[in-house]
Amino acid sequence: LYSSIPYLVPRAAVLLQDIGQAFFDS
């Protein structure tokens, strides 16, 4: 990351986790 830092609000972090897991499943 050059223009951002690796933090999200918990709600967005859960969304990202679910996207990654659903992508694996698919």
PDB file of all heavy atoms in Angstrom:
ATOM      1  N   LEU A   1       0.833  -1.203   0.000  1.00  0.00           N
ATOM      2  CA  LEU A   1       0.000   0.000   0.000  1.00  0.00           C
ATOM      3  C   LEU A   1       0.870   1.257   0.000  1.00  0.00           C
ATOM      4  O   LEU A   1       1.699   1.438   0.881  1.00  0.00           O
ATOM      5  CB  LEU A   1      -0.925  -0.004   1.226  1.00  0.00           C
ATOM      6  CG  LEU A   1      -1.860  -1.220   1.345  1.00  0.00           C
ATOM      7  CD1 LEU A   1      -2.633  -1.154   2.657  1.00  0.00           C
ATOM      8  CD2 LEU A   1      -2.805  -1.308   0.159  1.00  0.00           C
ATOM      9  N   TYR A   2       0.630   2.113  -0.985  1.00  0.00           N
ATOM     10  CA  TYR A   2       1.368   3.371  -1.083  1.00  0.00           C
ATOM     11  C   TYR A   2       0.504   4.567  -0.666  1.00  0.00           C
ATOM     12  O   TYR A   2       1.029   5.576  -0.210  1.00  0.00           O
ATOM     13  CB  TYR A   2       1.860   3.589  -2.513  1.00  0.00           C
ATOM     14  CG  TYR A   2       2.870   2.559  -2.969  1.00  0.00           C
ATOM     15  CD1 TYR A   2       2.476   1.458  -3.722  1.00  0.00           C
ATOM     16  CD2 TYR A   2       4.213   2.678  -2.630  1.00  0.00           C
ATOM     17  CE1 TYR A   2       3.403   0.520  -4.140  1.00  0.00           C
ATOM     18  CE2 TYR A   2       5.152   1.734  -3.040  1.00  0.00           C
ATOM     19  CZ  TYR A   2       4.734   0.652  -3.798  1.00  0.00           C
ATOM     20  OH  TYR A   2       5.655  -0.288  -4.196  1.00  0.00           O
ATOM     21  N   SER A   3      -0.807   4.444  -0.849  1.00  0.00           N
ATOM     22  CA  SER A   3      -1.689   5.585  -0.578  1.00  0.00           C
ATOM     23  C   SER A   3      -2.823   5.234   0.371  1.00  0.00           C
ATOM     24  O   SER A   3      -3.871   5.882   0.379  1.00  0.00           O
ATOM     25  CB  SER A   3      -2.267   6.128  -1.895  1.00  0.00           C
ATOM     26  OG  SER A   3      -1.240   6.524  -2.767  1.00  0.00           O
ATOM     27  N   SER A   4      -2.652   4.195   1.148  1.00  0.00           N
ATOM     28  CA  SER A   4      -3.649   3.830   2.158  1.00  0.00           C
ATOM     29  C   SER A   4      -2.978   2.986   3.225  1.00  0.00           C
ATOM     30  O   SER A   4      -1.816   2.591   3.084  1.00  0.00           O
ATOM     31  CB  SER A   4      -4.825   3.074   1.526  1.00  0.00           C
ATOM     32  OG  SER A   4      -4.409   1.850   0.984  1.00  0.00           O
ATOM     33  N   ILE A   5      -3.681   2.718   4.299  1.00  0.00           N
ATOM     34  CA  ILE A   5      -3.149   1.929   5.410  1.00  0.00           C
ATOM     35  C   ILE A   5      -4.112   0.781   5.708  1.00  0.00           C
ATOM     36  O   ILE A   5      -5.322   0.915   5.517  1.00  0.00           O
ATOM     37  CB  ILE A   5      -2.927   2.804   6.674  1.00  0.00           C
ATOM     38  CG1 ILE A   5      -4.144   3.693   6.935  1.00  0.00           C
ATOM     39  CG2 ILE A   5      -1.685   3.649   6.512  1.00  0.00           C
ATOM     40  CD1 ILE A   5      -3.972   4.634   8.109  1.00  0.00           C
ATOM     41  N   PRO A   6      -3.596  -0.364   6.159  1.00  0.00           N
ATOM     42  CA  PRO A   6      -4.407  -1.592   6.250  1.00  0.00           C
ATOM     43  C   PRO A   6      -5.366  -1.642   7.438  1.00  0.00           C
ATOM     44  O   PRO A   6      -5.254  -2.498   8.321  1.00  0.00           O
ATOM     45  CB  PRO A   6      -3.350  -2.691   6.347  1.00  0.00           C
ATOM     46  CG  PRO A   6      -2.211  -2.037   7.042  1.00  0.00           C
ATOM     47  CD  PRO A   6      -2.189  -0.622   6.536  1.00  0.00           C
ATOM     48  N   TYR A   7      -6.330  -0.744   7.442  1.00  0.00           N
ATOM     49  CA  TYR A   7      -7.356  -0.734   8.490  1.00  0.00           C
ATOM     50  C   TYR A   7      -8.731  -0.530   7.864  1.00  0.00           C
ATOM     51  O   TYR A   7      -8.862   0.157   6.847  1.00  0.00           O
ATOM     52  CB  TYR A   7      -7.095   0.380   9.507  1.00  0.00           C
ATOM     53  CG  TYR A   7      -5.871   0.170  10.359  1.00  0.00           C
ATOM     54  CD1 TYR A   7      -4.676   0.841  10.073  1.00  0.00           C
ATOM     55  CD2 TYR A   7      -5.895  -0.695  11.450  1.00  0.00           C
ATOM     56  CE1 TYR A   7      -3.544   0.655  10.840  1.00  0.00           C
ATOM     57  CE2 TYR A   7      -4.765  -0.892  12.232  1.00  0.00           C
ATOM     58  CZ  TYR A   7      -3.591  -0.223  11.927  1.00  0.00           C
ATOM     59  OH  TYR A   7      -2.473  -0.418  12.693  1.00  0.00           O
ATOM     60  N   LEU A   8      -9.737  -1.143   8.497  1.00  0.00           N
ATOM     61  CA  LEU A   8     -11.133  -0.962   8.098  1.00  0.00           C
ATOM     62  C   LEU A   8     -11.997  -0.955   9.344  1.00  0.00           C
ATOM     63  O   LEU A   8     -11.593  -1.456  10.403  1.00  0.00           O
ATOM     64  CB  LEU A   8     -11.592  -2.111   7.184  1.00  0.00           C
ATOM     65  CG  LEU A   8     -11.021  -2.184   5.758  1.00  0.00           C
ATOM     66  CD1 LEU A   8     -11.407  -3.518   5.121  1.00  0.00           C
ATOM     67  CD2 LEU A   8     -11.507  -1.018   4.912  1.00  0.00           C
ATOM     68  N   VAL A   9     -13.203  -0.410   9.218  1.00  0.00           N
ATOM     69  CA  VAL A   9     -14.154  -0.554  10.317  1.00  0.00           C
ATOM     70  C   VAL A   9     -14.544  -2.031  10.379  1.00  0.00           C
ATOM     71  O   VAL A   9     -14.471  -2.743   9.365  1.00  0.00           O
ATOM     72  CB  VAL A   9     -15.408   0.332  10.092  1.00  0.00           C
ATOM     73  CG1 VAL A   9     -15.034   1.805  10.127  1.00  0.00           C
ATOM     74  CG2 VAL A   9     -16.132  -0.021   8.806  1.00  0.00           C
ATOM     75  N   PRO A  10     -14.928  -2.548  11.540  1.00  0.00           N
ATOM     76  CA  PRO A  10     -15.238  -3.981  11.670  1.00  0.00           C
ATOM     77  C   PRO A  10     -16.246  -4.484  10.638  1.00  0.00           C
ATOM     78  O   PRO A  10     -16.092  -5.590  10.108  1.00  0.00           O
ATOM     79  CB  PRO A  10     -15.789  -4.087  13.094  1.00  0.00           C
ATOM     80  CG  PRO A  10     -15.117  -2.968  13.832  1.00  0.00           C
ATOM     81  CD  PRO A  10     -15.004  -1.844  12.849  1.00  0.00           C
ATOM     82  N   ARG A  11     -17.260  -3.683  10.337  1.00  0.00           N
ATOM     83  CA  ARG A  11     -18.294  -4.096   9.384  1.00  0.00           C
ATOM     84  C   ARG A  11     -17.691  -4.355   7.999  1.00  0.00           C
ATOM     85  O   ARG A  11     -18.047  -5.328   7.323  1.00  0.00           O
ATOM     86  CB  ARG A  11     -19.365  -3.006   9.304  1.00  0.00           C
ATOM     87  CG  ARG A  11     -20.623  -3.385   8.531  1.00  0.00           C
ATOM     88  CD  ARG A  11     -21.594  -2.198   8.502  1.00  0.00           C
ATOM     89  NE  ARG A  11     -22.869  -2.558   7.920  1.00  0.00           N
ATOM     90  CZ  ARG A  11     -23.897  -3.035   8.603  1.00  0.00           C
ATOM     91  NH1 ARG A  11     -23.787  -3.215   9.918  1.00  0.00           N
ATOM     92  NH2 ARG A  11     -25.044  -3.337   8.002  1.00  0.00           N
ATOM     93  N   ALA A  12     -16.777  -3.492   7.577  1.00  0.00           N
ATOM     94  CA  ALA A  12     -16.132  -3.663   6.273  1.00  0.00           C
ATOM     95  C   ALA A  12     -15.137  -4.815   6.297  1.00  0.00           C
ATOM     96  O   ALA A  12     -14.966  -5.529   5.299  1.00  0.00           O
ATOM     97  CB  ALA A  12     -15.437  -2.368   5.869  1.00  0.00           C
ATOM     98  N   ALA A  13     -14.460  -5.022   7.434  1.00  0.00           N
ATOM     99  CA  ALA A  13     -13.519  -6.132   7.559  1.00  0.00           C
ATOM    100  C   ALA A  13     -14.239  -7.475   7.434  1.00  0.00           C
ATOM    101  O   ALA A  13     -13.730  -8.414   6.808  1.00  0.00           O
ATOM    102  CB  ALA A  13     -12.781  -6.047   8.891  1.00  0.00           C
ATOM    103  N   VAL A  14     -15.424  -7.573   8.003  1.00  0.00           N
ATOM    104  CA  VAL A  14     -16.217  -8.806   7.895  1.00  0.00           C
ATOM    105  C   VAL A  14     -16.644  -9.023   6.443  1.00  0.00           C
ATOM    106  O   VAL A  14     -16.607 -10.152   5.927  1.00  0.00           O
ATOM    107  CB  VAL A  14     -17.450  -8.740   8.820  1.00  0.00           C
ATOM    108  CG1 VAL A  14     -18.392  -9.904   8.543  1.00  0.00           C
ATOM    109  CG2 VAL A  14     -17.023  -8.747  10.279  1.00  0.00           C
ATOM    110  N   LEU A  15     -17.045  -7.951   5.771  1.00  0.00           N
ATOM    111  CA  LEU A  15     -17.418  -8.049   4.356  1.00  0.00           C
ATOM    112  C   LEU A  15     -16.256  -8.588   3.533  1.00  0.00           C
ATOM    113  O   LEU A  15     -16.430  -9.504   2.717  1.00  0.00           O
ATOM    114  CB  LEU A  15     -17.838  -6.678   3.829  1.00  0.00           C
ATOM    115  CG  LEU A  15     -18.046  -6.584   2.312  1.00  0.00           C
ATOM    116  CD1 LEU A  15     -19.250  -7.402   1.879  1.00  0.00           C
ATOM    117  CD2 LEU A  15     -18.209  -5.122   1.874  1.00  0.00           C
ATOM    118  N   LEU A  16     -15.072  -8.037   3.722  1.00  0.00           N
ATOM    119  CA  LEU A  16     -13.896  -8.478   2.975  1.00  0.00           C
ATOM    120  C   LEU A  16     -13.585  -9.943   3.259  1.00  0.00           C
ATOM    121  O   LEU A  16     -13.272 -10.713   2.339  1.00  0.00           O
ATOM    122  CB  LEU A  16     -12.701  -7.600   3.334  1.00  0.00           C
ATOM    123  CG  LEU A  16     -11.370  -7.933   2.649  1.00  0.00           C
ATOM    124  CD1 LEU A  16     -11.513  -7.934   1.135  1.00  0.00           C
ATOM    125  CD2 LEU A  16     -10.289  -6.958   3.106  1.00  0.00           C
ATOM    126  N   GLN A  17     -13.684 -10.345   4.503  1.00  0.00           N
ATOM    127  CA  GLN A  17     -13.466 -11.747   4.881  1.00  0.00           C
ATOM    128  C   GLN A  17     -14.466 -12.655   4.169  1.00  0.00           C
ATOM    129  O   GLN A  17     -14.103 -13.706   3.625  1.00  0.00           O
ATOM    130  CB  GLN A  17     -13.606 -11.904   6.393  1.00  0.00           C
ATOM    131  CG  GLN A  17     -13.617 -13.336   6.905  1.00  0.00           C
ATOM    132  CD  GLN A  17     -12.240 -13.919   7.074  1.00  0.00           C
ATOM    133  OE1 GLN A  17     -11.245 -13.208   6.988  1.00  0.00           O
ATOM    134  NE2 GLN A  17     -12.177 -15.217   7.304  1.00  0.00           N
ATOM    135  N   ASP A  18     -15.724 -12.261   4.155  1.00  0.00           N
ATOM    136  CA  ASP A  18     -16.768 -13.072   3.522  1.00  0.00           C
ATOM    137  C   ASP A  18     -16.574 -13.160   2.011  1.00  0.00           C
ATOM    138  O   ASP A  18     -16.844 -14.199   1.399  1.00  0.00           O
ATOM    139  CB  ASP A  18     -18.145 -12.494   3.843  1.00  0.00           C
ATOM    140  CG  ASP A  18     -18.522 -12.670   5.309  1.00  0.00           C
ATOM    141  OD1 ASP A  18     -17.833 -13.441   6.011  1.00  0.00           O
ATOM    142  OD2 ASP A  18     -19.491 -12.025   5.758  1.00  0.00           O
ATOM    143  N   ILE A  19     -16.128 -12.067   1.396  1.00  0.00           N
ATOM    144  CA  ILE A  19     -15.861 -12.088  -0.042  1.00  0.00           C
ATOM    145  C   ILE A  19     -14.753 -13.089  -0.353  1.00  0.00           C
ATOM    146  O   ILE A  19     -14.872 -13.911  -1.265  1.00  0.00           O
ATOM    147  CB  ILE A  19     -15.475 -10.679  -0.542  1.00  0.00           C
ATOM    148  CG1 ILE A  19     -16.705  -9.761  -0.538  1.00  0.00           C
ATOM    149  CG2 ILE A  19     -14.874 -10.746  -1.953  1.00  0.00           C
ATOM    150  CD1 ILE A  19     -16.390  -8.305  -0.832  1.00  0.00           C
ATOM    151  N   GLY A  20     -13.661 -13.017   0.408  1.00  0.00           N
ATOM    152  CA  GLY A  20     -12.547 -13.931   0.179  1.00  0.00           C
ATOM    153  C   GLY A  20     -12.942 -15.385   0.364  1.00  0.00           C
ATOM    154  O   GLY A  20     -12.570 -16.257  -0.429  1.00  0.00           O
ATOM    155  N   GLN A  21     -13.724 -15.654   1.398  1.00  0.00           N
ATOM    156  CA  GLN A  21     -14.138 -17.034   1.672  1.00  0.00           C
ATOM    157  C   GLN A  21     -15.101 -17.541   0.595  1.00  0.00           C
ATOM    158  O   GLN A  21     -14.988 -18.686   0.137  1.00  0.00           O
ATOM    159  CB  GLN A  21     -14.787 -17.117   3.052  1.00  0.00           C
ATOM    160  CG  GLN A  21     -15.008 -18.536   3.535  1.00  0.00           C
ATOM    161  CD  GLN A  21     -15.333 -18.597   5.021  1.00  0.00           C
ATOM    162  OE1 GLN A  21     -15.333 -17.581   5.714  1.00  0.00           O
ATOM    163  NE2 GLN A  21     -15.602 -19.783   5.507  1.00  0.00           N
ATOM    164  N   ALA A  22     -16.044 -16.680   0.174  1.00  0.00           N
ATOM    165  CA  ALA A  22     -16.993 -17.072  -0.874  1.00  0.00           C
ATOM    166  C   ALA A  22     -16.267 -17.299  -2.205  1.00  0.00           C
ATOM    167  O   ALA A  22     -16.638 -18.184  -2.980  1.00  0.00           O
ATOM    168  CB  ALA A  22     -18.062 -15.999  -1.032  1.00  0.00           C
ATOM    169  N   PHE A  23     -15.226 -16.523  -2.457  1.00  0.00           N
ATOM    170  CA  PHE A  23     -14.436 -16.697  -3.673  1.00  0.00           C
ATOM    171  C   PHE A  23     -13.734 -18.055  -3.649  1.00  0.00           C
ATOM    172  O   PHE A  23     -13.735 -18.778  -4.653  1.00  0.00           O
ATOM    173  CB  PHE A  23     -13.413 -15.562  -3.770  1.00  0.00           C
ATOM    174  CG  PHE A  23     -12.588 -15.568  -5.030  1.00  0.00           C
ATOM    175  CD1 PHE A  23     -13.185 -15.443  -6.268  1.00  0.00           C
ATOM    176  CD2 PHE A  23     -11.209 -15.693  -4.966  1.00  0.00           C
ATOM    177  CE1 PHE A  23     -12.424 -15.444  -7.438  1.00  0.00           C
ATOM    178  CE2 PHE A  23     -10.441 -15.689  -6.125  1.00  0.00           C
ATOM    179  CZ  PHE A  23     -11.051 -15.568  -7.363  1.00  0.00           C
ATOM    180  N   PHE A  24     -13.169 -18.431  -2.520  1.00  0.00           N
ATOM    181  CA  PHE A  24     -12.548 -19.749  -2.373  1.00  0.00           C
ATOM    182  C   PHE A  24     -13.575 -20.851  -2.641  1.00  0.00           C
ATOM    183  O   PHE A  24     -13.309 -21.807  -3.366  1.00  0.00           O
ATOM    184  CB  PHE A  24     -11.986 -19.910  -0.960  1.00  0.00           C
ATOM    185  CG  PHE A  24     -10.527 -19.596  -0.842  1.00  0.00           C
ATOM    186  CD1 PHE A  24      -9.939 -18.605  -1.616  1.00  0.00           C
ATOM    187  CD2 PHE A  24      -9.725 -20.272   0.063  1.00  0.00           C
ATOM    188  CE1 PHE A  24      -8.594 -18.308  -1.504  1.00  0.00           C
ATOM    189  CE2 PHE A  24      -8.366 -19.978   0.180  1.00  0.00           C
ATOM    190  CZ  PHE A  24      -7.797 -19.000  -0.602  1.00  0.00           C
ATOM    191  N   ASP A  25     -14.738 -20.733  -2.017  1.00  0.00           N
ATOM    192  CA  ASP A  25     -15.782 -21.747  -2.177  1.00  0.00           C
ATOM    193  C   ASP A  25     -16.202 -21.879  -3.643  1.00  0.00           C
ATOM    194  O   ASP A  25     -16.398 -22.987  -4.150  1.00  0.00           O
ATOM    195  CB  ASP A  25     -17.005 -21.399  -1.324  1.00  0.00           C
ATOM    196  CG  ASP A  25     -16.723 -21.505   0.166  1.00  0.00           C
ATOM    197  OD1 ASP A  25     -15.713 -22.133   0.530  1.00  0.00           O
ATOM    198  OD2 ASP A  25     -17.505 -20.945   0.961  1.00  0.00           O
ATOM    199  N   SER A  26     -16.339 -20.738  -4.306  1.00  0.00           N
ATOM    200  CA  SER A  26     -16.767 -20.747  -5.702  1.00  0.00           C
ATOM    201  C   SER A  26     -15.712 -21.375  -6.605  1.00  0.00           C
ATOM    202  O   SER A  26     -16.034 -22.145  -7.518  1.00  0.00           O
ATOM    203  CB  SER A  26     -17.074 -19.313  -6.165  1.00  0.00           C
ATOM    204  OG  SER A  26     -17.684 -19.315  -7.440  1.00  0.00           O
TER     205      SER A  26
END
